[in-house]
Amino acid sequence: MRMTALTLCLSFSFCACATEASVASSDDAFDRSDRTGPPAAGSRPPEPPPAAASKPKYLTLDDLPECDAQEPDLACIKKLFLPLRSTTFPFDAGRVDKAFAENAFAVAPGWNLTAHHVLEQNLAVGVYGCFFPSFRYAEDLVPINGPGCGEMLVAGGHPHASECQTEGTPISHCVDEVPFGESFDLVLAKAETRAALLDIAQSPSVGDEVFAVGYPLFYWLSAAERAELAPLYPLVSYGHVRAIEGRGIVVDAAVYGGNSGGPLLNAKGEALGVLSSLVGHQRARGTSVPAARADRFGVVAAIDDATRTIIDHARQTP
């Protein structure tokens, strides 16, 4: 993997510099040892250098064919998901933790990115109050207001929202009916200022390493098993970009209900987009993802250029 090669390269460079700088002093040390004889009685031999910390092995469902992809047991979950706060990652986990808000993450002072369906479902008002027929972007940071939604700088939407509302279709089902390449499941909403901000990544490439951060619910586990996992949250799963189509990024990182609204990160800890759904929920329509694997792959609402511009503007505006 590229990040492993980079780590090894940096470590090798450091060692090479240290070795080059110490060649002469090492020769002198051997000479002095010969002259001074054996160590004095009672002296302690030098301690061996500490072993280098081993990198955790990141696994995906493809590495664990014995695990049920839809409802993995506790043992499989512990292999797939690593605690953000106590695991070594290639990115600054502390910064991610400070920017993360369970179902959202801070990208500008007082502004969080999240999934639009999360915003809807967390409101006390009726569904569809915050949806528009298409994306809306705040011009000159003049907030957009939706009924009961508060202020937004980027507001998602759904081309069939009014039809779904009339028919009484649940918001989550209505969102899932949109092919992920046409995803509108992204919103930049007013929120409390967090202690850190996540930087926004450039568009990824197929095959890039990614990390999904969130609070998956694992509702099929027993109460005792969920209690065992509780101290480990937030959890991180590892994977790769499998496809990029329109506004959607498909990843093979393990994601489940409760992950919605969390960030998808690259190896630098930069946000690529917002976790939205599973390909299987969106019927894998119009995608290159094999239907047999649709339940293993997650869908991410990508951060588009217009949203990047607004985030940059919000960061520069007091």
C-alpha atoms as a PDB file:
ATOM      1  CA  MET A   1       0.000   0.000   0.000  1.00  0.00           C
ATOM      2  CA  ARG A   2       1.242   3.488  -0.693  1.00  0.00           C
ATOM      3  CA  MET A   3       1.000   4.693   2.881  1.00  0.00           C
ATOM      4  CA  THR A   4       3.042   1.669   4.074  1.00  0.00           C
ATOM      5  CA  ALA A   5       5.694   2.320   1.471  1.00  0.00           C
ATOM      6  CA  LEU A   6       5.836   5.955   2.513  1.00  0.00           C
ATOM      7  CA  THR A   7       6.167   5.045   6.188  1.00  0.00           C
ATOM      8  CA  LEU A   8       8.977   2.626   5.428  1.00  0.00           C
ATOM      9  CA  CYS A   9      10.689   5.184   3.239  1.00  0.00           C
ATOM     10  CA  LEU A  10      10.547   7.837   5.969  1.00  0.00           C
ATOM     11  CA  SER A  11      11.801   5.387   8.572  1.00  0.00           C
ATOM     12  CA  PHE A  12      14.638   4.272   6.302  1.00  0.00           C
ATOM     13  CA  SER A  13      15.665   7.863   5.606  1.00  0.00           C
ATOM     14  CA  PHE A  14      15.786   8.623   9.318  1.00  0.00           C
ATOM     15  CA  CYS A  15      17.858   5.534  10.029  1.00  0.00           C
ATOM     16  CA  ALA A  16      20.189   6.304   7.154  1.00  0.00           C
ATOM     17  CA  CYS A  17      20.821   9.803   8.484  1.00  0.00           C
ATOM     18  CA  ALA A  18      21.440   8.524  11.988  1.00  0.00           C
ATOM     19  CA  THR A  19      23.808   5.829  10.742  1.00  0.00           C
ATOM     20  CA  GLU A  20      25.815   8.211   8.572  1.00  0.00           C
ATOM     21  CA  ALA A  21      26.199  10.691  11.428  1.00  0.00           C
ATOM     22  CA  SER A  22      27.380   8.057  13.888  1.00  0.00           C
ATOM     23  CA  VAL A  23      29.906   6.027  11.877  1.00  0.00           C
ATOM     24  CA  ALA A  24      32.975   7.794  13.265  1.00  0.00           C
ATOM     25  CA  SER A  25      31.726   7.814  16.854  1.00  0.00           C
ATOM     26  CA  SER A  26      30.912   4.102  16.635  1.00  0.00           C
ATOM     27  CA  ASP A  27      34.489   3.297  15.573  1.00  0.00           C
ATOM     28  CA  ASP A  28      35.819   5.382  18.458  1.00  0.00           C
ATOM     29  CA  ALA A  29      33.531   3.542  20.851  1.00  0.00           C
ATOM     30  CA  PHE A  30      34.908   0.183  19.767  1.00  0.00           C
ATOM     31  CA  ASP A  31      38.461   1.474  20.236  1.00  0.00           C
ATOM     32  CA  ARG A  32      37.670   2.755  23.734  1.00  0.00           C
ATOM     33  CA  SER A  33      36.037  -0.524  24.641  1.00  0.00           C
ATOM     34  CA  ASP A  34      39.188  -2.397  23.663  1.00  0.00           C
ATOM     35  CA  ARG A  35      41.332  -0.077  25.766  1.00  0.00           C
ATOM     36  CA  THR A  36      39.172   0.011  28.870  1.00  0.00           C
ATOM     37  CA  GLY A  37      38.597  -3.734  29.086  1.00  0.00           C
ATOM     38  CA  PRO A  38      35.450  -5.517  30.275  1.00  0.00           C
ATOM     39  CA  PRO A  39      32.621  -3.634  32.000  1.00  0.00           C
ATOM     40  CA  ALA A  40      33.020  -3.011  35.698  1.00  0.00           C
ATOM     41  CA  ALA A  41      31.406  -5.494  38.066  1.00  0.00           C
ATOM     42  CA  GLY A  42      27.804  -4.675  38.807  1.00  0.00           C
ATOM     43  CA  SER A  43      27.333  -2.495  35.743  1.00  0.00           C
ATOM     44  CA  ARG A  44      24.140  -3.027  33.738  1.00  0.00           C
ATOM     45  CA  PRO A  45      24.330  -3.975  30.046  1.00  0.00           C
ATOM     46  CA  PRO A  46      22.736  -1.484  27.679  1.00  0.00           C
ATOM     47  CA  GLU A  47      19.014  -2.017  27.108  1.00  0.00           C
ATOM     48  CA  PRO A  48      17.952  -3.079  23.603  1.00  0.00           C
ATOM     49  CA  PRO A  49      16.158  -0.406  21.572  1.00  0.00           C
ATOM     50  CA  PRO A  50      12.354  -0.518  21.846  1.00  0.00           C
ATOM     51  CA  ALA A  51      10.611  -2.477  19.137  1.00  0.00           C
ATOM     52  CA  ALA A  52       8.904  -0.358  16.509  1.00  0.00           C
ATOM     53  CA  ALA A  53       5.140  -0.123  16.960  1.00  0.00           C
ATOM     54  CA  SER A  54       3.455  -2.474  14.553  1.00  0.00           C
ATOM     55  CA  LYS A  55       0.792  -1.094  12.263  1.00  0.00           C
ATOM     56  CA  PRO A  56      -2.664  -2.615  12.854  1.00  0.00           C
ATOM     57  CA  LYS A  57      -3.936  -4.866  10.119  1.00  0.00           C
ATOM     58  CA  TYR A  58      -6.861  -3.195   8.420  1.00  0.00           C
ATOM     59  CA  LEU A  59      -9.435  -5.698   7.173  1.00  0.00           C
ATOM     60  CA  THR A  60     -12.454  -5.549   4.890  1.00  0.00           C
ATOM     61  CA  LEU A  61     -15.312  -7.986   4.428  1.00  0.00           C
ATOM     62  CA  ASP A  62     -13.440  -9.451   1.454  1.00  0.00           C
ATOM     63  CA  ASP A  63     -10.734 -10.541   3.901  1.00  0.00           C
ATOM     64  CA  LEU A  64     -13.295 -12.254   6.130  1.00  0.00           C
ATOM     65  CA  PRO A  65     -15.431 -14.558   3.973  1.00  0.00           C
ATOM     66  CA  GLU A  66     -16.583 -16.370   7.094  1.00  0.00           C
ATOM     67  CA  CYS A  67     -18.370 -13.209   8.322  1.00  0.00           C
ATOM     68  CA  ASP A  68     -21.986 -12.399   7.493  1.00  0.00           C
ATOM     69  CA  ALA A  69     -21.801  -9.179   5.484  1.00  0.00           C
ATOM     70  CA  GLN A  70     -25.270  -7.997   6.522  1.00  0.00           C
ATOM     71  CA  GLU A  71     -25.181  -8.883  10.221  1.00  0.00           C
ATOM     72  CA  PRO A  72     -21.616  -9.724  11.326  1.00  0.00           C
ATOM     73  CA  ASP A  73     -21.207 -11.137  14.819  1.00  0.00           C
ATOM     74  CA  LEU A  74     -19.225  -9.416  17.556  1.00  0.00           C
ATOM     75  CA  ALA A  75     -15.975 -11.213  16.708  1.00  0.00           C
ATOM     76  CA  CYS A  76     -16.179 -10.092  13.084  1.00  0.00           C
ATOM     77  CA  ILE A  77     -17.113  -6.542  14.071  1.00  0.00           C
ATOM     78  CA  LYS A  78     -14.005  -6.275  16.222  1.00  0.00           C
ATOM     79  CA  LYS A  79     -11.900  -7.292  13.226  1.00  0.00           C
ATOM     80  CA  LEU A  80     -13.604  -4.886  10.830  1.00  0.00           C
ATOM     81  CA  PHE A  81     -13.870  -1.842  13.103  1.00  0.00           C
ATOM     82  CA  LEU A  82     -11.064  -0.181  15.055  1.00  0.00           C
ATOM     83  CA  PRO A  83     -11.451   2.411  17.839  1.00  0.00           C
ATOM     84  CA  LEU A  84     -10.596   5.898  16.582  1.00  0.00           C
ATOM     85  CA  ARG A  85      -9.153   6.982  19.933  1.00  0.00           C
ATOM     86  CA  SER A  86      -6.825   4.060  20.623  1.00  0.00           C
ATOM     87  CA  THR A  87      -5.587   2.894  17.216  1.00  0.00           C
ATOM     88  CA  THR A  88      -2.639   4.087  15.148  1.00  0.00           C
ATOM     89  CA  PHE A  89      -3.826   5.474  11.809  1.00  0.00           C
ATOM     90  CA  PRO A  90      -1.914   7.246   9.032  1.00  0.00           C
ATOM     91  CA  PHE A  91      -3.892  10.406   9.843  1.00  0.00           C
ATOM     92  CA  ASP A  92      -4.234  12.556  12.977  1.00  0.00           C
ATOM     93  CA  ALA A  93      -6.933  10.632  14.855  1.00  0.00           C
ATOM     94  CA  GLY A  94      -7.093  13.251  17.611  1.00  0.00           C
ATOM     95  CA  ARG A  95      -7.996  15.961  15.159  1.00  0.00           C
ATOM     96  CA  VAL A  96     -10.656  13.789  13.541  1.00  0.00           C
ATOM     97  CA  ASP A  97     -12.129  13.034  16.962  1.00  0.00           C
ATOM     98  CA  LYS A  98     -12.346  16.739  17.835  1.00  0.00           C
ATOM     99  CA  ALA A  99     -14.054  17.548  14.524  1.00  0.00           C
ATOM    100  CA  PHE A 100     -16.460  14.593  14.637  1.00  0.00           C
ATOM    101  CA  ALA A 101     -19.995  14.956  16.025  1.00  0.00           C
ATOM    102  CA  GLU A 102     -21.411  11.396  15.740  1.00  0.00           C
ATOM    103  CA  ASN A 103     -23.553  11.992  12.643  1.00  0.00           C
ATOM    104  CA  ALA A 104     -21.741  15.058  11.303  1.00  0.00           C
ATOM    105  CA  PHE A 105     -18.303  16.668  11.175  1.00  0.00           C
ATOM    106  CA  ALA A 106     -17.015  20.231  11.312  1.00  0.00           C
ATOM    107  CA  VAL A 107     -15.492  21.736   8.171  1.00  0.00           C
ATOM    108  CA  ALA A 108     -15.786  25.453   9.021  1.00  0.00           C
ATOM    109  CA  PRO A 109     -16.343  27.306  12.325  1.00  0.00           C
ATOM    110  CA  GLY A 110     -19.984  26.728  13.241  1.00  0.00           C
ATOM    111  CA  TRP A 111     -20.761  24.612  10.159  1.00  0.00           C
ATOM    112  CA  ASN A 112     -21.062  20.824   9.931  1.00  0.00           C
ATOM    113  CA  LEU A 113     -21.353  18.537   6.946  1.00  0.00           C
ATOM    114  CA  THR A 114     -23.812  15.682   7.299  1.00  0.00           C
ATOM    115  CA  ALA A 115     -26.199  13.547   5.269  1.00  0.00           C
ATOM    116  CA  HIS A 116     -29.403  15.342   4.366  1.00  0.00           C
ATOM    117  CA  HIS A 117     -31.536  12.408   5.483  1.00  0.00           C
ATOM    118  CA  VAL A 118     -29.852  12.582   8.917  1.00  0.00           C
ATOM    119  CA  LEU A 119     -30.853  16.226   9.253  1.00  0.00           C
ATOM    120  CA  GLU A 120     -34.425  15.354   8.319  1.00  0.00           C
ATOM    121  CA  GLN A 121     -34.691  12.384  10.635  1.00  0.00           C
ATOM    122  CA  ASN A 122     -33.235  14.283  13.597  1.00  0.00           C
ATOM    123  CA  LEU A 123     -35.821  17.061  13.326  1.00  0.00           C
ATOM    124  CA  ALA A 124     -38.990  17.198  15.369  1.00  0.00           C
ATOM    125  CA  VAL A 125     -40.915  18.478  12.350  1.00  0.00           C
ATOM    126  CA  GLY A 126     -42.378  16.384   9.547  1.00  0.00           C
ATOM    127  CA  VAL A 127     -40.215  14.860   6.856  1.00  0.00           C
ATOM    128  CA  TYR A 128     -39.285  16.611   3.606  1.00  0.00           C
ATOM    129  CA  GLY A 129     -39.325  20.044   5.202  1.00  0.00           C
ATOM    130  CA  CYS A 130     -35.667  20.595   4.303  1.00  0.00           C
ATOM    131  CA  PHE A 131     -35.597  19.021   0.862  1.00  0.00           C
ATOM    132  CA  PHE A 132     -35.505  20.968  -2.367  1.00  0.00           C
ATOM    133  CA  PRO A 133     -35.765  19.664  -5.951  1.00  0.00           C
ATOM    134  CA  SER A 134     -31.980  20.004  -6.364  1.00  0.00           C
ATOM    135  CA  PHE A 135     -28.875  21.184  -4.556  1.00  0.00           C
ATOM    136  CA  ARG A 136     -28.940  24.767  -3.339  1.00  0.00           C
ATOM    137  CA  TYR A 137     -25.813  26.729  -2.566  1.00  0.00           C
ATOM    138  CA  ALA A 138     -25.709  29.835  -0.377  1.00  0.00           C
ATOM    139  CA  GLU A 139     -24.498  32.824  -2.377  1.00  0.00           C
ATOM    140  CA  ASP A 140     -22.082  35.070  -0.444  1.00  0.00           C
ATOM    141  CA  LEU A 141     -22.767  32.891   2.621  1.00  0.00           C
ATOM    142  CA  VAL A 142     -26.366  34.111   2.900  1.00  0.00           C
ATOM    143  CA  PRO A 143     -27.916  31.110   4.704  1.00  0.00           C
ATOM    144  CA  ILE A 144     -30.651  29.020   3.168  1.00  0.00           C
ATOM    145  CA  ASN A 145     -33.560  28.334   5.521  1.00  0.00           C
ATOM    146  CA  GLY A 146     -35.768  25.281   5.311  1.00  0.00           C
ATOM    147  CA  PRO A 147     -38.911  24.766   7.432  1.00  0.00           C
ATOM    148  CA  GLY A 148     -37.633  23.723  10.837  1.00  0.00           C
ATOM    149  CA  CYS A 149     -34.137  23.021   9.509  1.00  0.00           C
ATOM    150  CA  GLY A 150     -32.336  26.137  10.629  1.00  0.00           C
ATOM    151  CA  GLU A 151     -29.571  27.675   8.553  1.00  0.00           C
ATOM    152  CA  MET A 152     -27.770  25.844   5.765  1.00  0.00           C
ATOM    153  CA  LEU A 153     -25.002  26.874   3.366  1.00  0.00           C
ATOM    154  CA  VAL A 154     -25.526  23.848   1.121  1.00  0.00           C
ATOM    155  CA  ALA A 155     -28.944  22.221   0.994  1.00  0.00           C
ATOM    156  CA  GLY A 156     -29.569  18.886  -0.675  1.00  0.00           C
ATOM    157  CA  GLY A 157     -32.756  17.787  -2.293  1.00  0.00           C
ATOM    158  CA  HIS A 158     -34.686  15.107  -4.053  1.00  0.00           C
ATOM    159  CA  PRO A 159     -36.243  15.323  -7.511  1.00  0.00           C
ATOM    160  CA  HIS A 160     -39.273  13.348  -6.332  1.00  0.00           C
ATOM    161  CA  ALA A 161     -39.587  14.736  -2.786  1.00  0.00           C
ATOM    162  CA  SER A 162     -43.079  16.160  -3.303  1.00  0.00           C
ATOM    163  CA  GLU A 163     -44.308  12.868  -4.769  1.00  0.00           C
ATOM    164  CA  CYS A 164     -42.816  10.886  -1.868  1.00  0.00           C
ATOM    165  CA  GLN A 165     -44.373  13.266   0.623  1.00  0.00           C
ATOM    166  CA  THR A 166     -47.788  12.964  -1.007  1.00  0.00           C
ATOM    167  CA  GLU A 167     -47.534   9.184  -1.067  1.00  0.00           C
ATOM    168  CA  GLY A 168     -46.286   9.070   2.524  1.00  0.00           C
ATOM    169  CA  THR A 169     -43.046   7.324   1.584  1.00  0.00           C
ATOM    170  CA  PRO A 170     -40.529   7.369   4.485  1.00  0.00           C
ATOM    171  CA  ILE A 171     -37.676   9.778   3.848  1.00  0.00           C
ATOM    172  CA  SER A 172     -35.019   7.052   4.005  1.00  0.00           C
ATOM    173  CA  HIS A 173     -36.814   4.990   1.358  1.00  0.00           C
ATOM    174  CA  CYS A 174     -37.341   7.995  -0.872  1.00  0.00           C
ATOM    175  CA  VAL A 175     -33.637   8.899  -0.692  1.00  0.00           C
ATOM    176  CA  ASP A 176     -32.669   5.318  -1.503  1.00  0.00           C
ATOM    177  CA  GLU A 177     -34.678   5.434  -4.708  1.00  0.00           C
ATOM    178  CA  VAL A 178     -32.237   7.930  -6.239  1.00  0.00           C
ATOM    179  CA  PRO A 179     -29.284   6.292  -8.018  1.00  0.00           C
ATOM    180  CA  PHE A 180     -26.206   7.188  -6.013  1.00  0.00           C
ATOM    181  CA  GLY A 181     -24.629   8.948  -8.973  1.00  0.00           C
ATOM    182  CA  GLU A 182     -27.413  11.520  -8.616  1.00  0.00           C
ATOM    183  CA  SER A 183     -27.165  11.713  -4.825  1.00  0.00           C
ATOM    184  CA  PHE A 184     -28.544  14.822  -3.171  1.00  0.00           C
ATOM    185  CA  ASP A 185     -27.816  13.474   0.310  1.00  0.00           C
ATOM    186  CA  LEU A 186     -25.482  16.233   1.499  1.00  0.00           C
ATOM    187  CA  VAL A 187     -26.026  19.322   3.635  1.00  0.00           C
ATOM    188  CA  LEU A 188     -23.809  21.958   5.266  1.00  0.00           C
ATOM    189  CA  ALA A 189     -25.771  22.998   8.345  1.00  0.00           C
ATOM    190  CA  LYS A 190     -25.332  25.471  11.192  1.00  0.00           C
ATOM    191  CA  ALA A 191     -23.950  23.828  14.318  1.00  0.00           C
ATOM    192  CA  GLU A 192     -21.923  24.453  17.451  1.00  0.00           C
ATOM    193  CA  THR A 193     -18.283  25.269  16.820  1.00  0.00           C
ATOM    194  CA  ARG A 194     -16.069  22.209  17.295  1.00  0.00           C
ATOM    195  CA  ALA A 195     -12.500  22.102  18.597  1.00  0.00           C
ATOM    196  CA  ALA A 196     -11.082  21.128  15.180  1.00  0.00           C
ATOM    197  CA  LEU A 197     -11.997  21.181  11.496  1.00  0.00           C
ATOM    198  CA  LEU A 198     -11.511  18.546   8.825  1.00  0.00           C
ATOM    199  CA  ASP A 199      -9.812  19.575   5.609  1.00  0.00           C
ATOM    200  CA  ILE A 200     -11.538  18.754   2.338  1.00  0.00           C
ATOM    201  CA  ALA A 201      -9.786  16.322  -0.006  1.00  0.00           C
ATOM    202  CA  GLN A 202      -9.461  16.535  -3.740  1.00  0.00           C
ATOM    203  CA  SER A 203     -11.483  13.988  -5.710  1.00  0.00           C
ATOM    204  CA  PRO A 204     -10.234  10.432  -5.123  1.00  0.00           C
ATOM    205  CA  SER A 205      -9.250   7.771  -7.631  1.00  0.00           C
ATOM    206  CA  VAL A 206     -10.498   4.201  -7.840  1.00  0.00           C
ATOM    207  CA  GLY A 207      -8.289   2.051  -5.631  1.00  0.00           C
ATOM    208  CA  ASP A 208      -7.454   4.783  -3.103  1.00  0.00           C
ATOM    209  CA  GLU A 209      -7.414   3.784   0.555  1.00  0.00           C
ATOM    210  CA  VAL A 210     -10.256   5.197   2.644  1.00  0.00           C
ATOM    211  CA  PHE A 211     -11.437   5.182   6.255  1.00  0.00           C
ATOM    212  CA  ALA A 212     -15.095   5.461   7.324  1.00  0.00           C
ATOM    213  CA  VAL A 213     -15.734   6.995  10.763  1.00  0.00           C
ATOM    214  CA  GLY A 214     -18.998   6.637  12.608  1.00  0.00           C
ATOM    215  CA  TYR A 215     -21.317   5.137  15.192  1.00  0.00           C
ATOM    216  CA  PRO A 216     -22.740   2.001  13.534  1.00  0.00           C
ATOM    217  CA  LEU A 217     -25.645   0.664  15.601  1.00  0.00           C
ATOM    218  CA  PHE A 218     -25.304  -3.125  15.116  1.00  0.00           C
ATOM    219  CA  TYR A 219     -28.913  -3.503  16.240  1.00  0.00           C
ATOM    220  CA  TRP A 220     -28.784  -7.304  15.776  1.00  0.00           C
ATOM    221  CA  LEU A 221     -26.310  -7.721  18.648  1.00  0.00           C
ATOM    222  CA  SER A 222     -27.463  -8.449  22.178  1.00  0.00           C
ATOM    223  CA  ALA A 223     -27.610  -5.657  24.750  1.00  0.00           C
ATOM    224  CA  ALA A 224     -24.552  -7.110  26.468  1.00  0.00           C
ATOM    225  CA  GLU A 225     -22.580  -7.173  23.209  1.00  0.00           C
ATOM    226  CA  ARG A 226     -23.499  -3.563  22.390  1.00  0.00           C
ATOM    227  CA  ALA A 227     -22.461  -2.556  25.895  1.00  0.00           C
ATOM    228  CA  GLU A 228     -19.088  -4.218  25.299  1.00  0.00           C
ATOM    229  CA  LEU A 229     -18.595  -2.137  22.152  1.00  0.00           C
ATOM    230  CA  ALA A 230     -19.814   1.156  23.627  1.00  0.00           C
ATOM    231  CA  PRO A 231     -16.451   2.282  25.143  1.00  0.00           C
ATOM    232  CA  LEU A 232     -14.745   1.788  21.754  1.00  0.00           C
ATOM    233  CA  TYR A 233     -16.774   4.377  19.813  1.00  0.00           C
ATOM    234  CA  PRO A 234     -16.308   6.132  17.457  1.00  0.00           C
ATOM    235  CA  LEU A 235     -15.305   3.264  15.196  1.00  0.00           C
ATOM    236  CA  VAL A 236     -13.272   3.271  11.986  1.00  0.00           C
ATOM    237  CA  SER A 237     -13.518   0.803   9.112  1.00  0.00           C
ATOM    238  CA  TYR A 238     -11.029   0.482   6.277  1.00  0.00           C
ATOM    239  CA  GLY A 239     -11.474  -0.014   2.558  1.00  0.00           C
ATOM    240  CA  HIS A 240     -10.863   1.263  -0.950  1.00  0.00           C
ATOM    241  CA  VAL A 241     -12.698   3.333  -3.501  1.00  0.00           C
ATOM    242  CA  ARG A 242     -14.399   0.851  -5.832  1.00  0.00           C
ATOM    243  CA  ALA A 243     -16.241   3.206  -8.184  1.00  0.00           C
ATOM    244  CA  ILE A 244     -16.893   6.896  -8.763  1.00  0.00           C
ATOM    245  CA  GLU A 245     -20.045   7.761 -10.627  1.00  0.00           C
ATOM    246  CA  GLY A 246     -21.553  11.221 -10.731  1.00  0.00           C
ATOM    247  CA  ARG A 247     -21.959  12.546  -7.193  1.00  0.00           C
ATOM    248  CA  GLY A 248     -21.443   9.117  -5.667  1.00  0.00           C
ATOM    249  CA  ILE A 249     -18.358   7.303  -4.359  1.00  0.00           C
ATOM    250  CA  VAL A 250     -18.629   3.551  -3.777  1.00  0.00           C
ATOM    251  CA  VAL A 251     -16.363   2.019  -1.126  1.00  0.00           C
ATOM    252  CA  ASP A 252     -15.833  -1.459   0.268  1.00  0.00           C
ATOM    253  CA  ALA A 253     -15.297  -0.201   3.832  1.00  0.00           C
ATOM    254  CA  ALA A 254     -17.819  -1.831   6.174  1.00  0.00           C
ATOM    255  CA  VAL A 255     -20.704   0.561   6.926  1.00  0.00           C
ATOM    256  CA  TYR A 256     -24.039  -0.052   8.632  1.00  0.00           C
ATOM    257  CA  GLY A 257     -27.029   1.824   9.970  1.00  0.00           C
ATOM    258  CA  GLY A 258     -25.748   4.607  12.204  1.00  0.00           C
ATOM    259  CA  ASN A 259     -22.781   5.414   9.950  1.00  0.00           C
ATOM    260  CA  SER A 260     -24.862   7.965   8.013  1.00  0.00           C
ATOM    261  CA  GLY A 261     -23.534  11.505   8.206  1.00  0.00           C
ATOM    262  CA  GLY A 262     -20.028  10.485   9.227  1.00  0.00           C
ATOM    263  CA  PRO A 263     -16.961  11.329   7.151  1.00  0.00           C
ATOM    264  CA  LEU A 264     -15.157   9.214   4.601  1.00  0.00           C
ATOM    265  CA  LEU A 265     -11.462  10.065   4.953  1.00  0.00           C
ATOM    266  CA  ASN A 266      -8.433   9.521   2.792  1.00  0.00           C
ATOM    267  CA  ALA A 267      -5.116   8.407   4.297  1.00  0.00           C
ATOM    268  CA  LYS A 268      -4.289  12.045   5.152  1.00  0.00           C
ATOM    269  CA  GLY A 269      -7.449  12.435   7.225  1.00  0.00           C
ATOM    270  CA  GLU A 270      -9.096  14.713   4.665  1.00  0.00           C
ATOM    271  CA  ALA A 271     -12.840  14.403   4.066  1.00  0.00           C
ATOM    272  CA  LEU A 272     -13.916  12.971   0.710  1.00  0.00           C
ATOM    273  CA  GLY A 273     -17.621  12.986   1.423  1.00  0.00           C
ATOM    274  CA  VAL A 274     -20.473  11.980   3.727  1.00  0.00           C
ATOM    275  CA  LEU A 275     -21.524   8.388   4.379  1.00  0.00           C
ATOM    276  CA  SER A 276     -25.006   7.980   2.977  1.00  0.00           C
ATOM    277  CA  SER A 277     -26.253   4.449   2.313  1.00  0.00           C
ATOM    278  CA  LEU A 278     -25.497   0.998   0.942  1.00  0.00           C
ATOM    279  CA  VAL A 279     -25.434   0.243  -2.745  1.00  0.00           C
ATOM    280  CA  GLY A 280     -27.912  -2.539  -2.039  1.00  0.00           C
ATOM    281  CA  HIS A 281     -30.388   0.006  -0.673  1.00  0.00           C
ATOM    282  CA  GLN A 282     -30.132   1.954  -3.888  1.00  0.00           C
ATOM    283  CA  ARG A 283     -30.627  -1.155  -5.997  1.00  0.00           C
ATOM    284  CA  ALA A 284     -27.166  -0.689  -7.563  1.00  0.00           C
ATOM    285  CA  ARG A 285     -29.021   0.929 -10.454  1.00  0.00           C
ATOM    286  CA  GLY A 286     -26.912   2.408 -13.188  1.00  0.00           C
ATOM    287  CA  THR A 287     -23.704   1.394 -11.459  1.00  0.00           C
ATOM    288  CA  SER A 288     -20.767  -0.839 -12.246  1.00  0.00           C
ATOM    289  CA  VAL A 289     -21.122  -2.617  -8.900  1.00  0.00           C
ATOM    290  CA  PRO A 290     -22.088  -6.297  -9.236  1.00  0.00           C
ATOM    291  CA  ALA A 291     -25.506  -6.864  -7.701  1.00  0.00           C
ATOM    292  CA  ALA A 292     -24.153  -9.817  -5.684  1.00  0.00           C
ATOM    293  CA  ARG A 293     -21.840  -7.450  -3.811  1.00  0.00           C
ATOM    294  CA  ALA A 294     -24.229  -4.547  -3.410  1.00  0.00           C
ATOM    295  CA  ASP A 295     -24.805  -5.268   0.277  1.00  0.00           C
ATOM    296  CA  ARG A 296     -21.066  -5.079   0.983  1.00  0.00           C
ATOM    297  CA  PHE A 297     -20.395  -1.693  -0.567  1.00  0.00           C
ATOM    298  CA  GLY A 298     -21.176   1.694   0.937  1.00  0.00           C
ATOM    299  CA  VAL A 299     -22.290   4.858  -0.849  1.00  0.00           C
ATOM    300  CA  VAL A 300     -20.754   8.237  -0.086  1.00  0.00           C
ATOM    301  CA  ALA A 301     -22.201  11.590  -1.116  1.00  0.00           C
ATOM    302  CA  ALA A 302     -19.106  13.261  -2.566  1.00  0.00           C
ATOM    303  CA  ILE A 303     -18.143  16.836  -1.727  1.00  0.00           C
ATOM    304  CA  ASP A 304     -18.467  18.684  -5.015  1.00  0.00           C
ATOM    305  CA  ASP A 305     -16.521  21.743  -6.218  1.00  0.00           C
ATOM    306  CA  ALA A 306     -19.278  24.205  -5.324  1.00  0.00           C
ATOM    307  CA  THR A 307     -19.395  22.886  -1.751  1.00  0.00           C
ATOM    308  CA  ARG A 308     -15.606  23.130  -1.491  1.00  0.00           C
ATOM    309  CA  THR A 309     -15.776  26.773  -2.551  1.00  0.00           C
ATOM    310  CA  ILE A 310     -18.412  27.577   0.065  1.00  0.00           C
ATOM    311  CA  ILE A 311     -16.446  25.797   2.808  1.00  0.00           C
ATOM    312  CA  ASP A 312     -13.305  27.772   1.898  1.00  0.00           C
ATOM    313  CA  HIS A 313     -15.334  31.000   1.985  1.00  0.00           C
ATOM    314  CA  ALA A 314     -16.858  30.113   5.367  1.00  0.00           C
ATOM    315  CA  ARG A 315     -13.423  29.431   6.817  1.00  0.00           C
ATOM    316  CA  GLN A 316     -12.120  32.823   5.723  1.00  0.00           C
ATOM    317  CA  THR A 317     -15.151  34.767   6.917  1.00  0.00           C
ATOM    318  CA  PRO A 318     -15.225  35.798  10.611  1.00  0.00           C
END
